[in-house]
């Protein structure tokens, strides 16, 4: 089984108006981490950049201007994917996993289009697997008492220690999502009698 845990940080929420500024992930094959990546990406010139998004990510427009060229990152990212998946084989794809994974998938798909590549689906099975929805099942009895359903809040509710200052770093969020995914899968296993 080929899993790609992924998280993005963006210049804002609307797709395709906003763009990627960080793309991080971990590739697992048969429960063994094969590779990790953490790209800092300069937005495309037409991408909208929200001051609020920059504040959340703790970066300035000047820092953003120094990030890597999006086309170069795209070439590196797809070359990495090609080491593990044959994009022309319909049965050889990654299961894309994230926390609120549709948000990540939508932004990555848009980024593919901005890089003149409409074949996002040649790398990933649809739909993406969403750890947020998995957690919602297990936290359904206490959901009403939770402040919100963001990744750090959910992780704490499931007993994880969260380094708050590291949240909104995509690679940290990927690792936290991996831990939650494994934890929730174990909770889902039937108990032996």
C-alpha atoms as a PDB file:
ATOM      1  CA  UNK A   1       0.000   0.000   0.000  1.00  0.00           C
ATOM      2  CA  UNK A   2       1.419   3.375  -1.029  1.00  0.00           C
ATOM      3  CA  UNK A   3       0.471   6.247   1.243  1.00  0.00           C
ATOM      4  CA  UNK A   4       1.312   9.896   0.811  1.00  0.00           C
ATOM      5  CA  UNK A   5       0.686  11.954   3.939  1.00  0.00           C
ATOM      6  CA  UNK A   6       0.518  15.570   2.875  1.00  0.00           C
ATOM      7  CA  UNK A   7      -0.063  19.067   4.161  1.00  0.00           C
ATOM      8  CA  UNK A   8       0.025  22.464   2.495  1.00  0.00           C
ATOM      9  CA  UNK A   9       0.275  26.040   3.645  1.00  0.00           C
ATOM     10  CA  UNK A  10      -1.229  28.585   1.282  1.00  0.00           C
ATOM     11  CA  UNK A  11      -1.504  32.294   0.532  1.00  0.00           C
ATOM     12  CA  UNK A  12      -5.203  32.118   1.416  1.00  0.00           C
ATOM     13  CA  UNK A  13      -8.225  29.857   1.234  1.00  0.00           C
ATOM     14  CA  UNK A  14      -9.959  30.285  -2.164  1.00  0.00           C
ATOM     15  CA  UNK A  15      -8.943  27.878  -4.927  1.00  0.00           C
ATOM     16  CA  UNK A  16      -7.587  28.621  -7.543  1.00  0.00           C
ATOM     17  CA  UNK A  17      -7.083  32.275  -6.533  1.00  0.00           C
ATOM     18  CA  UNK A  18      -4.548  31.468  -3.807  1.00  0.00           C
ATOM     19  CA  UNK A  19      -1.367  29.457  -4.109  1.00  0.00           C
ATOM     20  CA  UNK A  20       0.948  27.106  -2.275  1.00  0.00           C
ATOM     21  CA  UNK A  21       3.760  28.425  -0.098  1.00  0.00           C
ATOM     22  CA  UNK A  22       4.668  25.153   1.624  1.00  0.00           C
ATOM     23  CA  UNK A  23       4.185  21.554   0.522  1.00  0.00           C
ATOM     24  CA  UNK A  24       5.342  18.842   2.897  1.00  0.00           C
ATOM     25  CA  UNK A  25       4.777  15.151   3.126  1.00  0.00           C
ATOM     26  CA  UNK A  26       5.919  11.645   3.856  1.00  0.00           C
ATOM     27  CA  UNK A  27       5.772   8.694   1.494  1.00  0.00           C
ATOM     28  CA  UNK A  28       5.069   5.340   3.142  1.00  0.00           C
ATOM     29  CA  UNK A  29       5.055   1.997   1.412  1.00  0.00           C
ATOM     30  CA  UNK A  30       3.831  -0.968   3.435  1.00  0.00           C
ATOM     31  CA  UNK A  31       4.114   1.089   6.660  1.00  0.00           C
ATOM     32  CA  UNK A  32       7.766   2.072   6.057  1.00  0.00           C
ATOM     33  CA  UNK A  33       8.645   5.724   5.448  1.00  0.00           C
ATOM     34  CA  UNK A  34      10.488   5.900   2.130  1.00  0.00           C
ATOM     35  CA  UNK A  35      10.910   9.651   1.780  1.00  0.00           C
ATOM     36  CA  UNK A  36       9.975  12.987   3.295  1.00  0.00           C
ATOM     37  CA  UNK A  37       9.872  16.368   1.636  1.00  0.00           C
ATOM     38  CA  UNK A  38       9.360  19.961   2.690  1.00  0.00           C
ATOM     39  CA  UNK A  39       9.226  22.572  -0.069  1.00  0.00           C
ATOM     40  CA  UNK A  40       8.946  26.320   0.480  1.00  0.00           C
ATOM     41  CA  UNK A  41       7.335  27.624  -2.695  1.00  0.00           C
ATOM     42  CA  UNK A  42       7.153  31.136  -4.095  1.00  0.00           C
ATOM     43  CA  UNK A  43       3.585  31.792  -5.261  1.00  0.00           C
ATOM     44  CA  UNK A  44       2.837  32.349  -8.932  1.00  0.00           C
ATOM     45  CA  UNK A  45       2.661  36.051  -9.872  1.00  0.00           C
ATOM     46  CA  UNK A  46      -1.152  35.981 -10.198  1.00  0.00           C
ATOM     47  CA  UNK A  47      -1.762  34.210  -6.860  1.00  0.00           C
ATOM     48  CA  UNK A  48      -3.655  36.307  -4.308  1.00  0.00           C
ATOM     49  CA  UNK A  49      -1.710  36.724  -1.073  1.00  0.00           C
ATOM     50  CA  UNK A  50      -3.720  37.310   2.092  1.00  0.00           C
ATOM     51  CA  UNK A  51      -2.035  39.218   4.916  1.00  0.00           C
ATOM     52  CA  UNK A  52      -3.966  37.012   7.336  1.00  0.00           C
ATOM     53  CA  UNK A  53      -2.479  33.854   5.761  1.00  0.00           C
ATOM     54  CA  UNK A  54       1.022  35.294   6.027  1.00  0.00           C
ATOM     55  CA  UNK A  55       0.391  36.152   9.687  1.00  0.00           C
ATOM     56  CA  UNK A  56      -0.847  32.618  10.415  1.00  0.00           C
ATOM     57  CA  UNK A  57       2.285  31.208   8.781  1.00  0.00           C
ATOM     58  CA  UNK A  58       4.571  33.738  10.447  1.00  0.00           C
ATOM     59  CA  UNK A  59       6.236  34.960   7.248  1.00  0.00           C
ATOM     60  CA  UNK A  60       6.609  38.247   5.430  1.00  0.00           C
ATOM     61  CA  UNK A  61       6.180  39.059   1.762  1.00  0.00           C
ATOM     62  CA  UNK A  62       9.945  39.579   1.568  1.00  0.00           C
ATOM     63  CA  UNK A  63      10.605  36.063   2.909  1.00  0.00           C
ATOM     64  CA  UNK A  64       8.026  34.676   0.497  1.00  0.00           C
ATOM     65  CA  UNK A  65       9.828  36.291  -2.438  1.00  0.00           C
ATOM     66  CA  UNK A  66      12.924  34.270  -1.518  1.00  0.00           C
ATOM     67  CA  UNK A  67      11.148  30.903  -1.636  1.00  0.00           C
ATOM     68  CA  UNK A  68      11.832  28.394  -4.419  1.00  0.00           C
ATOM     69  CA  UNK A  69      10.507  28.848  -7.943  1.00  0.00           C
ATOM     70  CA  UNK A  70       7.160  26.991  -8.247  1.00  0.00           C
ATOM     71  CA  UNK A  71       8.056  25.348 -11.574  1.00  0.00           C
ATOM     72  CA  UNK A  72      11.348  24.010 -10.186  1.00  0.00           C
ATOM     73  CA  UNK A  73       9.605  22.648  -7.082  1.00  0.00           C
ATOM     74  CA  UNK A  74       6.925  21.077  -9.266  1.00  0.00           C
ATOM     75  CA  UNK A  75       9.543  19.265 -11.362  1.00  0.00           C
ATOM     76  CA  UNK A  76      11.292  18.028  -8.217  1.00  0.00           C
ATOM     77  CA  UNK A  77       8.021  16.941  -6.589  1.00  0.00           C
ATOM     78  CA  UNK A  78       6.751  14.982  -9.602  1.00  0.00           C
ATOM     79  CA  UNK A  79      10.195  13.375 -10.051  1.00  0.00           C
ATOM     80  CA  UNK A  80       9.956  12.202  -6.426  1.00  0.00           C
ATOM     81  CA  UNK A  81       6.463  10.798  -6.986  1.00  0.00           C
ATOM     82  CA  UNK A  82       7.700   8.995 -10.117  1.00  0.00           C
ATOM     83  CA  UNK A  83      10.215   7.068  -8.018  1.00  0.00           C
ATOM     84  CA  UNK A  84       7.315   5.262  -6.328  1.00  0.00           C
ATOM     85  CA  UNK A  85       4.350   5.363  -8.722  1.00  0.00           C
ATOM     86  CA  UNK A  86       3.927   4.667 -12.417  1.00  0.00           C
ATOM     87  CA  UNK A  87       1.559   7.464 -13.378  1.00  0.00           C
ATOM     88  CA  UNK A  88       0.469   5.528 -16.484  1.00  0.00           C
ATOM     89  CA  UNK A  89      -0.650   2.463 -14.489  1.00  0.00           C
ATOM     90  CA  UNK A  90      -4.234   2.994 -13.267  1.00  0.00           C
ATOM     91  CA  UNK A  91      -3.715   0.560 -10.387  1.00  0.00           C
ATOM     92  CA  UNK A  92      -0.451   2.137  -9.172  1.00  0.00           C
ATOM     93  CA  UNK A  93      -1.314   5.311  -7.252  1.00  0.00           C
ATOM     94  CA  UNK A  94      -0.832   6.888  -3.853  1.00  0.00           C
ATOM     95  CA  UNK A  95      -3.581   7.062  -1.269  1.00  0.00           C
ATOM     96  CA  UNK A  96      -3.450  10.759  -0.409  1.00  0.00           C
ATOM     97  CA  UNK A  97      -3.951  11.300   3.326  1.00  0.00           C
ATOM     98  CA  UNK A  98      -4.271  14.548   5.232  1.00  0.00           C
ATOM     99  CA  UNK A  99      -6.166  16.401   7.904  1.00  0.00           C
ATOM    100  CA  UNK A 100      -8.982  18.140   6.049  1.00  0.00           C
ATOM    101  CA  UNK A 101      -7.453  16.454   3.022  1.00  0.00           C
ATOM    102  CA  UNK A 102      -9.845  17.879   0.436  1.00  0.00           C
ATOM    103  CA  UNK A 103      -8.422  21.355   1.111  1.00  0.00           C
ATOM    104  CA  UNK A 104      -4.894  20.048   0.468  1.00  0.00           C
ATOM    105  CA  UNK A 105      -5.936  18.045  -2.591  1.00  0.00           C
ATOM    106  CA  UNK A 106      -7.797  21.003  -4.113  1.00  0.00           C
ATOM    107  CA  UNK A 107      -4.819  23.333  -3.675  1.00  0.00           C
ATOM    108  CA  UNK A 108      -2.360  20.771  -5.028  1.00  0.00           C
ATOM    109  CA  UNK A 109      -4.589  20.053  -8.020  1.00  0.00           C
ATOM    110  CA  UNK A 110      -4.764  23.801  -8.705  1.00  0.00           C
ATOM    111  CA  UNK A 111      -0.967  24.009  -8.407  1.00  0.00           C
ATOM    112  CA  UNK A 112      -0.673  21.212 -10.980  1.00  0.00           C
ATOM    113  CA  UNK A 113      -2.859  23.242 -13.370  1.00  0.00           C
ATOM    114  CA  UNK A 114      -0.803  26.378 -12.767  1.00  0.00           C
ATOM    115  CA  UNK A 115       2.221  24.276 -13.763  1.00  0.00           C
ATOM    116  CA  UNK A 116       0.402  23.309 -17.005  1.00  0.00           C
ATOM    117  CA  UNK A 117      -0.152  19.713 -15.872  1.00  0.00           C
ATOM    118  CA  UNK A 118      -3.807  18.597 -15.720  1.00  0.00           C
ATOM    119  CA  UNK A 119      -2.889  15.057 -14.596  1.00  0.00           C
ATOM    120  CA  UNK A 120      -3.027  15.318 -10.803  1.00  0.00           C
ATOM    121  CA  UNK A 121      -5.248  12.212 -10.854  1.00  0.00           C
ATOM    122  CA  UNK A 122      -2.572  10.118 -12.516  1.00  0.00           C
ATOM    123  CA  UNK A 123      -0.660  10.082  -9.212  1.00  0.00           C
ATOM    124  CA  UNK A 124      -3.418   9.732  -6.611  1.00  0.00           C
ATOM    125  CA  UNK A 125      -6.484   7.621  -5.988  1.00  0.00           C
ATOM    126  CA  UNK A 126      -9.711   9.523  -5.415  1.00  0.00           C
ATOM    127  CA  UNK A 127     -11.001  10.452  -2.909  1.00  0.00           C
ATOM    128  CA  UNK A 128      -8.258  11.527  -0.513  1.00  0.00           C
ATOM    129  CA  UNK A 129      -8.449   9.957   2.947  1.00  0.00           C
ATOM    130  CA  UNK A 130      -9.356  12.479   5.625  1.00  0.00           C
ATOM    131  CA  UNK A 131      -8.026  12.010   9.152  1.00  0.00           C
ATOM    132  CA  UNK A 132     -10.303  14.834  10.320  1.00  0.00           C
ATOM    133  CA  UNK A 133     -13.378  12.786   9.364  1.00  0.00           C
ATOM    134  CA  UNK A 134     -11.911   9.676  10.984  1.00  0.00           C
ATOM    135  CA  UNK A 135     -11.394  11.649  14.205  1.00  0.00           C
ATOM    136  CA  UNK A 136     -14.928  13.041  14.051  1.00  0.00           C
ATOM    137  CA  UNK A 137     -16.304   9.527  14.455  1.00  0.00           C
ATOM    138  CA  UNK A 138     -14.293   8.919  17.623  1.00  0.00           C
ATOM    139  CA  UNK A 139     -14.915  12.353  19.105  1.00  0.00           C
ATOM    140  CA  UNK A 140     -18.626  12.509  18.278  1.00  0.00           C
ATOM    141  CA  UNK A 141     -19.696  12.296  21.943  1.00  0.00           C
ATOM    142  CA  UNK A 142     -17.463  15.201  23.022  1.00  0.00           C
ATOM    143  CA  UNK A 143     -17.466  17.294  19.837  1.00  0.00           C
ATOM    144  CA  UNK A 144     -19.957  19.779  21.252  1.00  0.00           C
ATOM    145  CA  UNK A 145     -17.511  20.691  24.042  1.00  0.00           C
ATOM    146  CA  UNK A 146     -14.508  21.216  21.783  1.00  0.00           C
ATOM    147  CA  UNK A 147     -13.340  24.764  21.007  1.00  0.00           C
ATOM    148  CA  UNK A 148     -12.863  23.889  17.307  1.00  0.00           C
ATOM    149  CA  UNK A 149     -11.925  20.911  15.169  1.00  0.00           C
ATOM    150  CA  UNK A 150      -8.476  22.027  14.003  1.00  0.00           C
ATOM    151  CA  UNK A 151      -5.587  19.574  13.946  1.00  0.00           C
ATOM    152  CA  UNK A 152      -3.965  20.657  17.259  1.00  0.00           C
ATOM    153  CA  UNK A 153      -7.296  20.631  19.097  1.00  0.00           C
ATOM    154  CA  UNK A 154      -8.205  17.185  17.783  1.00  0.00           C
ATOM    155  CA  UNK A 155      -4.746  15.813  18.579  1.00  0.00           C
ATOM    156  CA  UNK A 156      -4.961  17.065  22.171  1.00  0.00           C
ATOM    157  CA  UNK A 157      -8.477  15.616  22.530  1.00  0.00           C
ATOM    158  CA  UNK A 158      -7.059  12.228  21.495  1.00  0.00           C
ATOM    159  CA  UNK A 159      -4.278  12.443  24.078  1.00  0.00           C
ATOM    160  CA  UNK A 160      -1.369  13.794  22.021  1.00  0.00           C
ATOM    161  CA  UNK A 161       1.062  16.449  23.195  1.00  0.00           C
ATOM    162  CA  UNK A 162       1.092  19.276  20.663  1.00  0.00           C
ATOM    163  CA  UNK A 163       3.954  21.727  20.265  1.00  0.00           C
ATOM    164  CA  UNK A 164       1.736  24.728  19.564  1.00  0.00           C
ATOM    165  CA  UNK A 165       4.542  26.888  18.161  1.00  0.00           C
ATOM    166  CA  UNK A 166       5.182  24.278  15.455  1.00  0.00           C
ATOM    167  CA  UNK A 167       1.611  24.048  14.181  1.00  0.00           C
ATOM    168  CA  UNK A 168       1.095  25.623  10.754  1.00  0.00           C
ATOM    169  CA  UNK A 169       4.424  24.209   9.716  1.00  0.00           C
ATOM    170  CA  UNK A 170       3.349  21.712   7.071  1.00  0.00           C
ATOM    171  CA  UNK A 171       5.966  19.067   7.935  1.00  0.00           C
ATOM    172  CA  UNK A 172       5.093  19.152  11.639  1.00  0.00           C
ATOM    173  CA  UNK A 173       1.409  18.853  10.717  1.00  0.00           C
ATOM    174  CA  UNK A 174       2.208  15.875   8.451  1.00  0.00           C
ATOM    175  CA  UNK A 175       3.906  14.034  11.327  1.00  0.00           C
ATOM    176  CA  UNK A 176       1.017  14.803  13.667  1.00  0.00           C
ATOM    177  CA  UNK A 177      -1.449  13.593  11.014  1.00  0.00           C
ATOM    178  CA  UNK A 178       0.525  10.348  10.566  1.00  0.00           C
ATOM    179  CA  UNK A 179       0.393   9.743  14.330  1.00  0.00           C
ATOM    180  CA  UNK A 180      -3.340  10.444  14.461  1.00  0.00           C
ATOM    181  CA  UNK A 181      -3.995   8.177  11.469  1.00  0.00           C
ATOM    182  CA  UNK A 182      -2.208   5.227  13.117  1.00  0.00           C
ATOM    183  CA  UNK A 183      -3.894   5.934  16.453  1.00  0.00           C
ATOM    184  CA  UNK A 184      -7.346   6.040  14.897  1.00  0.00           C
ATOM    185  CA  UNK A 185      -6.732   2.899  12.848  1.00  0.00           C
ATOM    186  CA  UNK A 186      -5.787   1.047  16.031  1.00  0.00           C
ATOM    187  CA  UNK A 187      -8.939   2.298  17.746  1.00  0.00           C
ATOM    188  CA  UNK A 188     -10.911   0.948  14.795  1.00  0.00           C
ATOM    189  CA  UNK A 189      -9.531  -2.595  15.164  1.00  0.00           C
ATOM    190  CA  UNK A 190     -11.865  -5.107  16.798  1.00  0.00           C
ATOM    191  CA  UNK A 191     -10.743  -6.257  20.224  1.00  0.00           C
ATOM    192  CA  UNK A 192      -9.795  -9.921  20.596  1.00  0.00           C
ATOM    193  CA  UNK A 193     -11.930 -11.807  23.057  1.00  0.00           C
END
